[in-house]
Amino acid sequence: MAMANQNPSFRTNQSGVKRRFFSYQSASLLNYVFLALAAWLFALSIGCVSLIPVDEYTIARAAMEGARESEAPRYAPALWYKAEQAYREGETFFRERAYDEALKRFVQARTWAEQAENAARLSRFESGDLAP
């Protein structure tokens, strides 16, 4: 009997009966391991999905409008420029579906727009253009 013709997944026991290399219990164990691995990979892939920052986009837009209404481009141009730049970058990342970067830019834009609005209101108040 030549060894090359034998199937490596079968073994012959002492009585000459061919049996599989692994038992059905170990096959079901392999199925459980495979299912656990597949579930873990699925959970990992769900965790990598980033959320769309619609709320941050809306809040940043409202902050930009508030700063514009308080004449921030005139009274606080440096902060206004930073806010506008971050907002435009956020819009670009949002269109490109780079939501993590868009989120960062929208938060920066909101922060700078609020600072620009406050600085503009203070400057207008100090110059006498705005009553308290």
Protein backbone atom coordinates (compact mmCIF):
# COMPACT_ATOMS: atom_id res chain seq x y z
CA MET A 1 0.00 0.00 0.00
CA ALA A 2 1.61 3.23 -1.13
CA MET A 3 1.50 6.27 1.15
CA ALA A 4 1.10 8.73 -1.74
CA ASN A 5 -2.37 7.40 -2.61
CA GLN A 6 -3.79 7.87 0.87
CA ASN A 7 -5.93 10.85 1.72
CA PRO A 8 -4.18 12.82 4.51
CA SER A 9 -7.49 13.73 6.17
CA PHE A 10 -8.17 10.03 7.00
CA ARG A 11 -6.25 7.73 9.31
CA THR A 12 -6.54 4.00 9.76
CA ASN A 13 -7.06 2.76 13.32
CA GLN A 14 -5.80 -0.55 14.77
CA SER A 15 -8.70 -2.55 13.38
CA GLY A 16 -8.05 -1.24 9.84
CA VAL A 17 -11.06 1.11 9.68
CA LYS A 18 -10.48 4.48 8.09
CA ARG A 19 -11.48 7.38 10.32
CA ARG A 20 -11.32 11.10 9.85
CA PHE A 21 -8.31 12.93 11.22
CA PHE A 22 -10.51 14.94 13.59
CA SER A 23 -13.73 13.95 15.27
CA TYR A 24 -17.08 15.65 14.75
CA GLN A 25 -16.81 17.23 18.21
CA SER A 26 -13.67 19.06 17.17
CA ALA A 27 -15.36 20.05 13.88
CA SER A 28 -18.21 21.68 15.81
CA LEU A 29 -15.63 23.37 18.02
CA LEU A 30 -14.00 24.75 14.89
CA ASN A 31 -17.39 26.03 13.77
CA TYR A 32 -17.82 27.86 17.09
CA VAL A 33 -14.35 29.36 16.81
CA PHE A 34 -15.09 30.46 13.25
CA LEU A 35 -18.42 32.01 14.28
CA ALA A 36 -16.80 33.80 17.21
CA LEU A 37 -14.08 35.16 14.94
CA ALA A 38 -16.65 36.28 12.35
CA ALA A 39 -18.74 38.01 15.04
CA TRP A 40 -15.64 39.75 16.40
CA LEU A 41 -14.65 40.99 12.93
CA PHE A 42 -18.21 42.20 12.29
CA ALA A 43 -18.26 44.11 15.58
CA LEU A 44 -14.87 45.61 14.76
CA SER A 45 -16.05 46.75 11.34
CA ILE A 46 -19.14 48.40 12.86
CA GLY A 47 -16.94 50.22 15.36
CA CYS A 48 -14.90 51.76 12.54
CA VAL A 49 -17.87 53.55 11.04
CA SER A 50 -17.82 57.25 11.87
CA LEU A 51 -20.97 59.23 12.47
CA ILE A 52 -22.01 62.04 10.16
CA PRO A 53 -21.50 65.35 12.03
CA VAL A 54 -24.76 67.00 10.96
CA ASP A 55 -25.37 68.64 14.34
CA GLU A 56 -21.88 70.14 14.47
CA TYR A 57 -22.32 71.40 10.90
CA THR A 58 -25.59 73.11 11.83
CA ILE A 59 -24.21 74.62 15.04
CA ALA A 60 -21.11 75.90 13.24
CA ARG A 61 -23.29 77.46 10.53
CA ALA A 62 -25.45 79.18 13.17
CA ALA A 63 -22.34 80.47 14.96
CA MET A 64 -20.99 81.83 11.68
CA GLU A 65 -24.28 83.60 10.97
CA GLY A 66 -24.32 85.07 14.48
CA ALA A 67 -20.76 86.34 14.06
CA ARG A 68 -21.61 87.82 10.67
CA GLU A 69 -24.66 89.61 12.09
CA SER A 70 -22.55 91.12 14.87
CA GLU A 71 -20.16 92.46 12.19
CA ALA A 72 -17.27 90.25 13.21
CA PRO A 73 -15.53 90.62 9.83
CA ARG A 74 -15.20 94.34 10.57
CA TYR A 75 -14.51 94.36 14.32
CA ALA A 76 -12.66 91.05 14.83
CA PRO A 77 -11.17 90.14 11.44
CA ALA A 78 -8.47 87.76 12.71
CA LEU A 79 -10.92 85.55 14.61
CA TRP A 80 -13.44 85.81 11.78
CA TYR A 81 -10.86 84.67 9.24
CA LYS A 82 -9.89 81.65 11.38
CA ALA A 83 -13.55 80.71 11.85
CA GLU A 84 -14.34 81.10 8.17
CA GLN A 85 -11.29 79.08 7.14
CA ALA A 86 -12.13 76.23 9.53
CA TYR A 87 -15.77 76.27 8.41
CA ARG A 88 -14.81 76.02 4.73
CA GLU A 89 -12.37 73.21 5.44
CA GLY A 90 -15.11 71.44 7.40
CA GLU A 91 -17.47 71.76 4.45
CA THR A 92 -14.82 70.35 2.12
CA PHE A 93 -14.14 67.37 4.40
CA PHE A 94 -17.89 66.84 4.79
CA ARG A 95 -18.36 66.69 1.00
CA GLU A 96 -15.43 64.26 0.76
CA ARG A 97 -17.02 62.13 3.50
CA ALA A 98 -14.03 62.54 5.81
CA TYR A 99 -16.38 62.97 8.74
CA ASP A 100 -13.81 62.82 11.55
CA GLU A 101 -11.84 65.71 10.08
CA ALA A 102 -15.05 67.60 9.28
CA LEU A 103 -16.14 67.24 12.90
CA LYS A 104 -12.86 68.74 14.14
CA ARG A 105 -13.10 71.68 11.74
CA PHE A 106 -16.74 72.41 12.59
CA VAL A 107 -15.96 72.47 16.31
CA GLN A 108 -13.03 74.83 15.66
CA ALA A 109 -15.19 77.03 13.43
CA ARG A 110 -17.90 77.25 16.08
CA THR A 111 -15.39 78.14 18.79
CA TRP A 112 -13.70 80.83 16.73
CA ALA A 113 -17.00 82.22 15.42
CA GLU A 114 -18.32 82.55 18.98
CA GLN A 115 -15.09 84.28 20.03
CA ALA A 116 -15.30 86.58 16.99
CA GLU A 117 -18.91 87.44 17.80
CA ASN A 118 -18.06 88.22 21.43
CA ALA A 119 -15.03 90.30 20.44
CA ALA A 120 -17.07 92.19 17.84
CA ARG A 121 -19.85 92.95 20.34
CA LEU A 122 -17.29 94.13 22.90
CA SER A 123 -15.51 96.27 20.34
CA ARG A 124 -18.80 97.78 19.15
CA PHE A 125 -19.82 98.48 22.74
CA GLU A 126 -16.48 100.12 23.55
CA SER A 127 -16.68 102.31 20.45
CA GLY A 128 -20.25 103.36 21.28
CA ASP A 129 -21.88 101.75 18.25
CA LEU A 130 -23.92 99.34 20.38
CA ALA A 131 -25.95 99.95 23.49
CA PRO A 132 -25.78 97.26 26.21
